[in-house]
């Protein structure tokens, strides 16, 4: 029974590591904000809560603010603008403008 428990713990740790690697790839950094390939997808940008960083991020990315996430920001993520500890993830994308 002890061996089964140990095996399950190792498997769980492996899954957590794989999930963390996948999640790290979905966050963008400052240089990726200018990438025009982002216009057709929703991107997550780690930010601190300073208004200046928010304004600079939106200006650089030239995308609409879709929303933000406060509770699911990994502890090691830094703000893409100032480098301080991220407190939120800003969701950026292109809003649907409707028919013209």
Protein backbone atom coordinates (compact mmCIF):
# COMPACT_ATOMS: atom_id res chain seq x y z
CA UNK A 1 0.00 0.00 0.00
CA UNK A 2 2.87 2.34 0.81
CA UNK A 3 4.35 1.79 -2.67
CA UNK A 4 1.02 2.64 -4.31
CA UNK A 5 0.77 5.86 -2.31
CA UNK A 6 4.35 6.79 -3.23
CA UNK A 7 3.64 6.07 -6.90
CA UNK A 8 0.51 8.22 -6.82
CA UNK A 9 2.42 11.08 -5.17
CA UNK A 10 5.11 10.95 -7.87
CA UNK A 11 2.47 10.88 -10.60
CA UNK A 12 0.67 13.85 -9.01
CA UNK A 13 3.90 15.86 -8.83
CA UNK A 14 4.62 15.06 -12.47
CA UNK A 15 1.15 16.27 -13.51
CA UNK A 16 1.55 19.49 -11.52
CA UNK A 17 4.92 20.18 -13.14
CA UNK A 18 3.51 19.58 -16.64
CA UNK A 19 0.52 21.84 -15.95
CA UNK A 20 2.79 24.62 -14.63
CA UNK A 21 4.94 24.44 -17.79
CA UNK A 22 1.85 24.68 -20.01
CA UNK A 23 0.45 27.62 -18.04
CA UNK A 24 3.75 29.49 -18.15
CA UNK A 25 3.65 29.42 -21.96
CA UNK A 26 0.31 31.24 -22.14
CA UNK A 27 1.52 34.40 -20.39
CA UNK A 28 3.14 37.03 -22.59
CA UNK A 29 6.09 39.29 -21.86
CA UNK A 30 6.67 42.89 -22.92
CA UNK A 31 8.29 42.05 -26.26
CA UNK A 32 5.43 39.70 -27.17
CA UNK A 33 2.84 42.44 -26.58
CA UNK A 34 3.77 44.13 -29.86
CA UNK A 35 3.30 40.88 -31.82
CA UNK A 36 0.47 41.36 -34.31
CA UNK A 37 -0.32 37.61 -34.18
CA UNK A 38 -2.00 38.30 -30.83
CA UNK A 39 -4.93 40.09 -32.48
CA UNK A 40 -6.93 36.91 -33.10
CA UNK A 41 -6.59 35.41 -29.65
CA UNK A 42 -7.08 36.16 -25.99
CA UNK A 43 -3.78 36.84 -24.23
CA UNK A 44 -3.02 36.99 -20.52
CA UNK A 45 -0.62 39.68 -19.34
CA UNK A 46 0.71 39.63 -15.76
CA UNK A 47 0.51 43.12 -14.22
CA UNK A 48 0.89 44.91 -10.93
CA UNK A 49 -2.00 47.17 -9.93
CA UNK A 50 -0.46 50.49 -11.00
CA UNK A 51 -2.58 52.48 -13.44
CA UNK A 52 0.51 53.56 -15.40
CA UNK A 53 1.43 49.93 -16.14
CA UNK A 54 -2.12 49.18 -17.26
CA UNK A 55 -2.18 52.18 -19.63
CA UNK A 56 1.25 51.35 -21.10
CA UNK A 57 0.25 47.71 -21.66
CA UNK A 58 -2.91 48.62 -23.55
CA UNK A 59 -1.03 51.22 -25.62
CA UNK A 60 1.76 48.79 -26.55
CA UNK A 61 -0.53 45.85 -27.37
CA UNK A 62 -3.17 47.94 -29.17
CA UNK A 63 -5.84 45.47 -28.01
CA UNK A 64 -9.05 45.83 -26.03
CA UNK A 65 -9.32 44.97 -22.35
CA UNK A 66 -11.57 41.93 -22.07
CA UNK A 67 -11.24 41.43 -18.32
CA UNK A 68 -8.81 40.57 -15.56
CA UNK A 69 -8.08 37.70 -13.19
CA UNK A 70 -7.01 38.44 -9.62
CA UNK A 71 -6.95 35.08 -7.85
CA UNK A 72 -5.08 32.84 -10.30
CA UNK A 73 -1.81 34.68 -10.88
CA UNK A 74 1.24 32.46 -10.22
CA UNK A 75 3.37 33.80 -7.38
CA UNK A 76 6.55 34.03 -9.45
CA UNK A 77 5.08 36.16 -12.27
CA UNK A 78 6.28 39.75 -12.64
CA UNK A 79 4.58 42.78 -14.14
CA UNK A 80 5.51 43.06 -17.83
CA UNK A 81 6.04 46.82 -17.54
CA UNK A 82 7.75 47.58 -14.21
CA UNK A 83 8.95 44.12 -13.13
CA UNK A 84 7.29 44.18 -9.70
CA UNK A 85 5.25 41.26 -8.41
CA UNK A 86 2.13 40.67 -10.52
CA UNK A 87 -1.17 41.02 -8.67
CA UNK A 88 -3.49 40.36 -11.62
CA UNK A 89 -3.58 39.02 -15.15
CA UNK A 90 -5.06 41.37 -17.68
CA UNK A 91 -7.01 39.66 -20.46
CA UNK A 92 -6.47 41.42 -23.79
CA UNK A 93 -8.04 40.67 -27.14
CA UNK A 94 -10.15 42.11 -29.90
CA UNK A 95 -13.74 42.92 -28.99
CA UNK A 96 -16.39 42.08 -31.50
CA UNK A 97 -17.51 45.36 -33.05
CA UNK A 98 -20.76 44.08 -34.54
CA UNK A 99 -22.03 44.50 -38.06
CA UNK A 100 -21.45 47.75 -39.88
